[in-house]
Every structure is written in C-alpha cells, then in structure tokens.
PDB file of N, CA and C in Angstrom:
ATOM      1  N   MET A   1     -30.332  21.672 -18.765  1.00  0.00           N
ATOM      2  CA  MET A   1     -29.003  21.591 -18.196  1.00  0.00           C
ATOM      3  C   MET A   1     -28.670  20.131 -17.932  1.00  0.00           C
ATOM      4  N   PHE A   2     -27.418  19.769 -18.172  1.00  0.00           N
ATOM      5  CA  PHE A   2     -26.909  18.425 -17.924  1.00  0.00           C
ATOM      6  C   PHE A   2     -25.656  18.568 -17.079  1.00  0.00           C
ATOM      7  N   VAL A   3     -25.603  17.872 -15.947  1.00  0.00           N
ATOM      8  CA  VAL A   3     -24.478  17.968 -15.020  1.00  0.00           C
ATOM      9  C   VAL A   3     -23.738  16.638 -14.999  1.00  0.00           C
ATOM     10  N   HIS A   4     -22.408  16.730 -15.033  1.00  0.00           N
ATOM     11  CA  HIS A   4     -21.553  15.533 -15.008  1.00  0.00           C
ATOM     12  C   HIS A   4     -20.533  15.720 -13.889  1.00  0.00           C
ATOM     13  N   ILE A   5     -20.441  14.742 -12.978  1.00  0.00           N
ATOM     14  CA  ILE A   5     -19.539  14.820 -11.842  1.00  0.00           C
ATOM     15  C   ILE A   5     -18.621  13.601 -11.849  1.00  0.00           C
ATOM     16  N   VAL A   6     -17.318  13.852 -11.674  1.00  0.00           N
ATOM     17  CA  VAL A   6     -16.330  12.777 -11.676  1.00  0.00           C
ATOM     18  C   VAL A   6     -15.396  12.961 -10.482  1.00  0.00           C
ATOM     19  N   PHE A   7     -15.088  11.863  -9.804  1.00  0.00           N
ATOM     20  CA  PHE A   7     -14.151  11.869  -8.686  1.00  0.00           C
ATOM     21  C   PHE A   7     -12.879  11.147  -9.119  1.00  0.00           C
ATOM     22  N   PHE A   8     -11.723  11.665  -8.689  1.00  0.00           N
ATOM     23  CA  PHE A   8     -10.441  11.082  -9.063  1.00  0.00           C
ATOM     24  C   PHE A   8      -9.594  10.797  -7.831  1.00  0.00           C
ATOM     25  N   LYS A   9      -8.885   9.679  -7.869  1.00  0.00           N
ATOM     26  CA  LYS A   9      -7.849   9.354  -6.885  1.00  0.00           C
ATOM     27  C   LYS A   9      -6.540   9.359  -7.665  1.00  0.00           C
ATOM     28  N   LEU A  10      -5.625  10.222  -7.282  1.00  0.00           N
ATOM     29  CA  LEU A  10      -4.361  10.365  -7.996  1.00  0.00           C
ATOM     30  C   LEU A  10      -3.287   9.443  -7.432  1.00  0.00           C
ATOM     31  N   LYS A  11      -2.361   9.037  -8.282  1.00  0.00           N
ATOM     32  CA  LYS A  11      -1.208   8.265  -7.815  1.00  0.00           C
ATOM     33  C   LYS A  11      -0.386   9.106  -6.850  1.00  0.00           C
ATOM     34  N   ASN A  12      -0.202  10.380  -7.201  1.00  0.00           N
ATOM     35  CA  ASN A  12       0.565  11.311  -6.384  1.00  0.00           C
ATOM     36  C   ASN A  12      -0.289  12.547  -6.132  1.00  0.00           C
ATOM     37  N   PHE A  13      -0.643  12.778  -4.874  1.00  0.00           N
ATOM     38  CA  PHE A  13      -1.479  13.925  -4.544  1.00  0.00           C
ATOM     39  C   PHE A  13      -0.835  15.233  -5.000  1.00  0.00           C
ATOM     40  N   SER A  14       0.469  15.248  -5.106  1.00  0.00           N
ATOM     41  CA  SER A  14       1.171  16.460  -5.545  1.00  0.00           C
ATOM     42  C   SER A  14       0.781  16.873  -6.965  1.00  0.00           C
ATOM     43  N   ASP A  15       0.146  15.965  -7.732  1.00  0.00           N
ATOM     44  CA  ASP A  15      -0.323  16.285  -9.082  1.00  0.00           C
ATOM     45  C   ASP A  15      -1.677  17.001  -9.075  1.00  0.00           C
ATOM     46  N   ALA A  16      -2.287  17.147  -7.911  1.00  0.00           N
ATOM     47  CA  ALA A  16      -3.625  17.743  -7.828  1.00  0.00           C
ATOM     48  C   ALA A  16      -3.688  19.161  -8.396  1.00  0.00           C
ATOM     49  N   PRO A  17      -2.769  20.053  -8.065  1.00  0.00           N
ATOM     50  CA  PRO A  17      -2.849  21.403  -8.652  1.00  0.00           C
ATOM     51  C   PRO A  17      -2.766  21.403 -10.184  1.00  0.00           C
ATOM     52  N   GLU A  18      -1.908  20.544 -10.737  1.00  0.00           N
ATOM     53  CA  GLU A  18      -1.823  20.482 -12.203  1.00  0.00           C
ATOM     54  C   GLU A  18      -3.096  19.908 -12.798  1.00  0.00           C
ATOM     55  N   ALA A  19      -3.647  18.886 -12.163  1.00  0.00           N
ATOM     56  CA  ALA A  19      -4.904  18.311 -12.641  1.00  0.00           C
ATOM     57  C   ALA A  19      -6.002  19.371 -12.624  1.00  0.00           C
ATOM     58  N   LYS A  20      -6.077  20.127 -11.549  1.00  0.00           N
ATOM     59  CA  LYS A  20      -7.072  21.203 -11.437  1.00  0.00           C
ATOM     60  C   LYS A  20      -6.891  22.210 -12.567  1.00  0.00           C
ATOM     61  N   GLN A  21      -5.660  22.627 -12.798  1.00  0.00           N
ATOM     62  CA  GLN A  21      -5.388  23.611 -13.848  1.00  0.00           C
ATOM     63  C   GLN A  21      -5.773  23.076 -15.219  1.00  0.00           C
ATOM     64  N   ARG A  22      -5.409  21.835 -15.491  1.00  0.00           N
ATOM     65  CA  ARG A  22      -5.738  21.242 -16.798  1.00  0.00           C
ATOM     66  C   ARG A  22      -7.250  21.144 -16.992  1.00  0.00           C
ATOM     67  N   LEU A  23      -7.954  20.681 -15.973  1.00  0.00           N
ATOM     68  CA  LEU A  23      -9.401  20.541 -16.085  1.00  0.00           C
ATOM     69  C   LEU A  23     -10.073  21.902 -16.249  1.00  0.00           C
ATOM     70  N   GLU A  24      -9.639  22.882 -15.489  1.00  0.00           N
ATOM     71  CA  GLU A  24     -10.230  24.214 -15.589  1.00  0.00           C
ATOM     72  C   GLU A  24      -9.923  24.878 -16.929  1.00  0.00           C
ATOM     73  N   SER A  25      -8.865  24.437 -17.598  1.00  0.00           N
ATOM     74  CA  SER A  25      -8.507  25.029 -18.883  1.00  0.00           C
ATOM     75  C   SER A  25      -9.551  24.744 -19.971  1.00  0.00           C
ATOM     76  N   MET A  26     -10.468  23.823 -19.718  1.00  0.00           N
ATOM     77  CA  MET A  26     -11.522  23.521 -20.692  1.00  0.00           C
ATOM     78  C   MET A  26     -12.587  24.616 -20.726  1.00  0.00           C
ATOM     79  N   SER A  27     -12.670  25.393 -19.645  1.00  0.00           N
ATOM     80  CA  SER A  27     -13.697  26.428 -19.531  1.00  0.00           C
ATOM     81  C   SER A  27     -13.554  27.454 -20.650  1.00  0.00           C
ATOM     82  N   GLY A  28     -14.654  27.706 -21.343  1.00  0.00           N
ATOM     83  CA  GLY A  28     -14.665  28.685 -22.419  1.00  0.00           C
ATOM     84  C   GLY A  28     -14.060  28.211 -23.717  1.00  0.00           C
ATOM     85  N   VAL A  29     -13.616  26.950 -23.758  1.00  0.00           N
ATOM     86  CA  VAL A  29     -12.950  26.420 -24.947  1.00  0.00           C
ATOM     87  C   VAL A  29     -13.829  25.409 -25.689  1.00  0.00           C
ATOM     88  N   ILE A  30     -14.572  24.608 -24.944  1.00  0.00           N
ATOM     89  CA  ILE A  30     -15.378  23.540 -25.541  1.00  0.00           C
ATOM     90  C   ILE A  30     -16.822  24.012 -25.686  1.00  0.00           C
ATOM     91  N   PRO A  31     -17.352  24.003 -26.902  1.00  0.00           N
ATOM     92  CA  PRO A  31     -18.734  24.447 -27.122  1.00  0.00           C
ATOM     93  C   PRO A  31     -19.728  23.624 -26.294  1.00  0.00           C
ATOM     94  N   GLY A  32     -20.703  24.302 -25.718  1.00  0.00           N
ATOM     95  CA  GLY A  32     -21.740  23.623 -24.948  1.00  0.00           C
ATOM     96  C   GLY A  32     -21.377  23.381 -23.502  1.00  0.00           C
ATOM     97  N   LEU A  33     -20.099  23.541 -23.149  1.00  0.00           N
ATOM     98  CA  LEU A  33     -19.652  23.391 -21.765  1.00  0.00           C
ATOM     99  C   LEU A  33     -19.878  24.729 -21.067  1.00  0.00           C
ATOM    100  N   LEU A  34     -20.839  24.767 -20.156  1.00  0.00           N
ATOM    101  CA  LEU A  34     -21.233  26.017 -19.514  1.00  0.00           C
ATOM    102  C   LEU A  34     -20.343  26.394 -18.339  1.00  0.00           C
ATOM    103  N   SER A  35     -19.928  25.390 -17.563  1.00  0.00           N
ATOM    104  CA  SER A  35     -19.066  25.694 -16.418  1.00  0.00           C
ATOM    105  C   SER A  35     -18.248  24.484 -16.019  1.00  0.00           C
ATOM    106  N   VAL A  36     -17.114  24.776 -15.386  1.00  0.00           N
ATOM    107  CA  VAL A  36     -16.198  23.755 -14.879  1.00  0.00           C
ATOM    108  C   VAL A  36     -15.824  24.157 -13.460  1.00  0.00           C
ATOM    109  N   GLU A  37     -16.007  23.244 -12.520  1.00  0.00           N
ATOM    110  CA  GLU A  37     -15.551  23.468 -11.148  1.00  0.00           C
ATOM    111  C   GLU A  37     -14.710  22.273 -10.734  1.00  0.00           C
ATOM    112  N   VAL A  38     -13.566  22.552 -10.133  1.00  0.00           N
ATOM    113  CA  VAL A  38     -12.664  21.500  -9.682  1.00  0.00           C
ATOM    114  C   VAL A  38     -12.320  21.768  -8.222  1.00  0.00           C
ATOM    115  N   GLY A  39     -12.506  20.752  -7.391  1.00  0.00           N
ATOM    116  CA  GLY A  39     -12.138  20.868  -5.989  1.00  0.00           C
ATOM    117  C   GLY A  39     -11.033  19.894  -5.649  1.00  0.00           C
ATOM    118  N   ILE A  40     -10.123  20.340  -4.792  1.00  0.00           N
ATOM    119  CA  ILE A  40      -9.041  19.490  -4.288  1.00  0.00           C
ATOM    120  C   ILE A  40      -9.346  19.149  -2.843  1.00  0.00           C
ATOM    121  N   ASP A  41      -9.210  17.887  -2.497  1.00  0.00           N
ATOM    122  CA  ASP A  41      -9.496  17.408  -1.141  1.00  0.00           C
ATOM    123  C   ASP A  41      -8.622  18.133  -0.113  1.00  0.00           C
ATOM    124  N   VAL A  42      -9.238  18.643   0.931  1.00  0.00           N
ATOM    125  CA  VAL A  42      -8.497  19.322   1.996  1.00  0.00           C
ATOM    126  C   VAL A  42      -8.365  18.454   3.247  1.00  0.00           C
ATOM    127  N   PHE A  43      -9.149  17.382   3.341  1.00  0.00           N
ATOM    128  CA  PHE A  43      -9.124  16.542   4.536  1.00  0.00           C
ATOM    129  C   PHE A  43      -8.094  15.423   4.471  1.00  0.00           C
ATOM    130  N   ARG A  44      -7.840  14.933   3.249  1.00  0.00           N
ATOM    131  CA  ARG A  44      -6.832  13.895   3.008  1.00  0.00           C
ATOM    132  C   ARG A  44      -7.053  12.637   3.849  1.00  0.00           C
ATOM    133  N   LYS A  45      -8.279  12.165   3.913  1.00  0.00           N
ATOM    134  CA  LYS A  45      -8.602  10.912   4.608  1.00  0.00           C
ATOM    135  C   LYS A  45      -8.455   9.751   3.620  1.00  0.00           C
ATOM    136  N   ASN A  46      -8.257   8.541   4.131  1.00  0.00           N
ATOM    137  CA  ASN A  46      -8.112   7.370   3.262  1.00  0.00           C
ATOM    138  C   ASN A  46      -9.325   7.158   2.359  1.00  0.00           C
ATOM    139  N   HIS A  47     -10.494   7.475   2.857  1.00  0.00           N
ATOM    140  CA  HIS A  47     -11.720   7.248   2.086  1.00  0.00           C
ATOM    141  C   HIS A  47     -12.071   8.426   1.165  1.00  0.00           C
ATOM    142  N   SER A  48     -11.266   9.487   1.195  1.00  0.00           N
ATOM    143  CA  SER A  48     -11.540  10.668   0.375  1.00  0.00           C
ATOM    144  C   SER A  48     -11.002  10.498  -1.043  1.00  0.00           C
ATOM    145  N   TRP A  49     -11.625  11.205  -1.965  1.00  0.00           N
ATOM    146  CA  TRP A  49     -11.110  11.326  -3.325  1.00  0.00           C
ATOM    147  C   TRP A  49     -10.194  12.535  -3.352  1.00  0.00           C
ATOM    148  N   ASP A  50      -9.217  12.551  -4.249  1.00  0.00           N
ATOM    149  CA  ASP A  50      -8.255  13.657  -4.293  1.00  0.00           C
ATOM    150  C   ASP A  50      -8.819  14.902  -4.966  1.00  0.00           C
ATOM    151  N   ILE A  51      -9.516  14.721  -6.077  1.00  0.00           N
ATOM    152  CA  ILE A  51     -10.132  15.854  -6.760  1.00  0.00           C
ATOM    153  C   ILE A  51     -11.513  15.460  -7.262  1.00  0.00           C
ATOM    154  N   VAL A  52     -12.352  16.464  -7.419  1.00  0.00           N
ATOM    155  CA  VAL A  52     -13.679  16.252  -7.994  1.00  0.00           C
ATOM    156  C   VAL A  52     -13.876  17.282  -9.103  1.00  0.00           C
ATOM    157  N   LEU A  53     -14.469  16.821 -10.184  1.00  0.00           N
ATOM    158  CA  LEU A  53     -14.771  17.668 -11.334  1.00  0.00           C
ATOM    159  C   LEU A  53     -16.281  17.735 -11.496  1.00  0.00           C
ATOM    160  N   GLU A  54     -16.816  18.953 -11.557  1.00  0.00           N
ATOM    161  CA  GLU A  54     -18.232  19.133 -11.867  1.00  0.00           C
ATOM    162  C   GLU A  54     -18.325  19.981 -13.125  1.00  0.00           C
ATOM    163  N   THR A  55     -18.938  19.425 -14.151  1.00  0.00           N
ATOM    164  CA  THR A  55     -19.129  20.161 -15.400  1.00  0.00           C
ATOM    165  C   THR A  55     -20.622  20.294 -15.667  1.00  0.00           C
ATOM    166  N   ARG A  56     -20.988  21.420 -16.247  1.00  0.00           N
ATOM    167  CA  ARG A  56     -22.386  21.684 -16.604  1.00  0.00           C
ATOM    168  C   ARG A  56     -22.455  21.989 -18.092  1.00  0.00           C
ATOM    169  N   PHE A  57     -23.452  21.395 -18.727  1.00  0.00           N
ATOM    170  CA  PHE A  57     -23.617  21.500 -20.172  1.00  0.00           C
ATOM    171  C   PHE A  57     -25.008  22.019 -20.512  1.00  0.00           C
ATOM    172  N   GLN A  58     -25.141  22.524 -21.715  1.00  0.00           N
ATOM    173  CA  GLN A  58     -26.454  22.994 -22.178  1.00  0.00           C
ATOM    174  C   GLN A  58     -27.466  21.860 -22.164  1.00  0.00           C
ATOM    175  N   ASN A  59     -27.011  20.671 -22.577  1.00  0.00           N
ATOM    176  CA  ASN A  59     -27.897  19.509 -22.661  1.00  0.00           C
ATOM    177  C   ASN A  59     -27.039  18.252 -22.816  1.00  0.00           C
ATOM    178  N   LYS A  60     -27.697  17.107 -22.897  1.00  0.00           N
ATOM    179  CA  LYS A  60     -26.963  15.843 -23.012  1.00  0.00           C
ATOM    180  C   LYS A  60     -26.151  15.779 -24.310  1.00  0.00           C
ATOM    181  N   ALA A  61     -26.690  16.334 -25.377  1.00  0.00           N
ATOM    182  CA  ALA A  61     -25.961  16.340 -26.657  1.00  0.00           C
ATOM    183  C   ALA A  61     -24.650  17.126 -26.533  1.00  0.00           C
ATOM    184  N   SER A  62     -24.659  18.210 -25.775  1.00  0.00           N
ATOM    185  CA  SER A  62     -23.434  18.987 -25.547  1.00  0.00           C
ATOM    186  C   SER A  62     -22.412  18.158 -24.781  1.00  0.00           C
ATOM    187  N   TYR A  63     -22.894  17.397 -23.785  1.00  0.00           N
ATOM    188  CA  TYR A  63     -21.997  16.508 -23.040  1.00  0.00           C
ATOM    189  C   TYR A  63     -21.393  15.454 -23.978  1.00  0.00           C
ATOM    190  N   GLU A  64     -22.205  14.871 -24.837  1.00  0.00           N
ATOM    191  CA  GLU A  64     -21.726  13.833 -25.753  1.00  0.00           C
ATOM    192  C   GLU A  64     -20.674  14.391 -26.712  1.00  0.00           C
ATOM    193  N   ALA A  65     -20.837  15.636 -27.141  1.00  0.00           N
ATOM    194  CA  ALA A  65     -19.832  16.275 -28.010  1.00  0.00           C
ATOM    195  C   ALA A  65     -18.550  16.539 -27.222  1.00  0.00           C
ATOM    196  N   TYR A  66     -18.677  16.956 -25.969  1.00  0.00           N
ATOM    197  CA  TYR A  66     -17.530  17.180 -25.081  1.00  0.00           C
ATOM    198  C   TYR A  66     -16.735  15.891 -24.883  1.00  0.00           C
ATOM    199  N   ALA A  67     -17.433  14.786 -24.745  1.00  0.00           N
ATOM    200  CA  ALA A  67     -16.788  13.502 -24.470  1.00  0.00           C
ATOM    201  C   ALA A  67     -15.790  13.115 -25.558  1.00  0.00           C
ATOM    202  N   VAL A  68     -15.984  13.585 -26.780  1.00  0.00           N
ATOM    203  CA  VAL A  68     -15.082  13.256 -27.885  1.00  0.00           C
ATOM    204  C   VAL A  68     -14.306  14.475 -28.394  1.00  0.00           C
ATOM    205  N   ASP A  69     -14.433  15.594 -27.709  1.00  0.00           N
ATOM    206  CA  ASP A  69     -13.722  16.810 -28.110  1.00  0.00           C
ATOM    207  C   ASP A  69     -12.214  16.611 -27.906  1.00  0.00           C
ATOM    208  N   PRO A  70     -11.380  17.001 -28.870  1.00  0.00           N
ATOM    209  CA  PRO A  70      -9.928  16.805 -28.758  1.00  0.00           C
ATOM    210  C   PRO A  70      -9.312  17.468 -27.519  1.00  0.00           C
ATOM    211  N   VAL A  71      -9.806  18.612 -27.109  1.00  0.00           N
ATOM    212  CA  VAL A  71      -9.280  19.278 -25.916  1.00  0.00           C
ATOM    213  C   VAL A  71      -9.522  18.397 -24.695  1.00  0.00           C
ATOM    214  N   HIS A  72     -10.737  17.894 -24.565  1.00  0.00           N
ATOM    215  CA  HIS A  72     -11.084  17.002 -23.454  1.00  0.00           C
ATOM    216  C   HIS A  72     -10.275  15.714 -23.518  1.00  0.00           C
ATOM    217  N   LEU A  73     -10.174  15.122 -24.685  1.00  0.00           N
ATOM    218  CA  LEU A  73      -9.457  13.855 -24.822  1.00  0.00           C
ATOM    219  C   LEU A  73      -7.971  13.998 -24.486  1.00  0.00           C
ATOM    220  N   ASN A  74      -7.381  15.141 -24.775  1.00  0.00           N
ATOM    221  CA  ASN A  74      -5.987  15.383 -24.422  1.00  0.00           C
ATOM    222  C   ASN A  74      -5.819  15.413 -22.898  1.00  0.00           C
ATOM    223  N   ILE A  75      -6.759  16.017 -22.207  1.00  0.00           N
ATOM    224  CA  ILE A  75      -6.716  16.057 -20.744  1.00  0.00           C
ATOM    225  C   ILE A  75      -6.958  14.662 -20.174  1.00  0.00           C
ATOM    226  N   VAL A  76      -7.883  13.924 -20.750  1.00  0.00           N
ATOM    227  CA  VAL A  76      -8.148  12.550 -20.308  1.00  0.00           C
ATOM    228  C   VAL A  76      -6.885  11.701 -20.442  1.00  0.00           C
ATOM    229  N   LYS A  77      -6.161  11.871 -21.524  1.00  0.00           N
ATOM    230  CA  LYS A  77      -4.916  11.128 -21.737  1.00  0.00           C
ATOM    231  C   LYS A  77      -3.930  11.399 -20.594  1.00  0.00           C
ATOM    232  N   TRP A  78      -3.773  12.653 -20.211  1.00  0.00           N
ATOM    233  CA  TRP A  78      -2.873  12.992 -19.110  1.00  0.00           C
ATOM    234  C   TRP A  78      -3.403  12.410 -17.802  1.00  0.00           C
ATOM    235  N   LEU A  79      -4.704  12.539 -17.560  1.00  0.00           N
ATOM    236  CA  LEU A  79      -5.296  12.043 -16.316  1.00  0.00           C
ATOM    237  C   LEU A  79      -5.157  10.540 -16.168  1.00  0.00           C
ATOM    238  N   LYS A  80      -5.293   9.797 -17.253  1.00  0.00           N
ATOM    239  CA  LYS A  80      -5.174   8.337 -17.175  1.00  0.00           C
ATOM    240  C   LYS A  80      -3.809   7.919 -16.635  1.00  0.00           C
ATOM    241  N   GLN A  81      -2.791   8.704 -16.906  1.00  0.00           N
ATOM    242  CA  GLN A  81      -1.447   8.404 -16.381  1.00  0.00           C
ATOM    243  C   GLN A  81      -1.305   8.837 -14.924  1.00  0.00           C
ATOM    244  N   ALA A  82      -2.149   9.798 -14.492  1.00  0.00           N
ATOM    245  CA  ALA A  82      -2.009  10.375 -13.155  1.00  0.00           C
ATOM    246  C   ALA A  82      -2.910   9.712 -12.097  1.00  0.00           C
ATOM    247  N   ILE A  83      -3.951   8.997 -12.545  1.00  0.00           N
ATOM    248  CA  ILE A  83      -4.888   8.424 -11.576  1.00  0.00           C
ATOM    249  C   ILE A  83      -4.474   7.023 -11.158  1.00  0.00           C
ATOM    250  N   SER A  84      -4.961   6.655  -9.973  1.00  0.00           N
ATOM    251  CA  SER A  84      -4.648   5.330  -9.425  1.00  0.00           C
ATOM    252  C   SER A  84      -5.426   4.254 -10.155  1.00  0.00           C
TER     253      SER A  84
END
C-alpha cells in the first residue's frame, strides 16, 4: 500500500465543497487508486488548511500512474486556479 496526503489552502473557502466533489470523483475511475478521502476544515483557524486529500494506492507504481492520469491532471488544473 502507498498513501499520499496533500493539504490545500484555497483562495476562497466557498470553493471547498466543489474541490471535495472533484477530488472524490476520482474514486473508482483511476486504476490502482484504492481510496480517496477528502476532509474540509471545520475549525477555520488561520493556521488550518482548508481541505486535505488522502489517497491510497496499490503501490508506488500505481501512484506514479495516477500522477499523470488525465482525470487527475484535469482536477489538478482546476485546483491550481483555486489554491492560494
């Protein structure tokens, strides 16, 4: 198993539900991606991140394939515009 965790700070916190939906949409679509969990910050402190993504893969090779998968890259493109 290979686990990848990413924290995001959004320009507009109001984009958090859409970011969550987009990230969760990868589940069951990308080969080798075993699970996707997305959390939205409930405390809203200055030092907090807005969302966190935890993905689990069969192995490191599955993660490397995910990193260049068109579905993932399309979401990354949207996220790059939404993050601080």
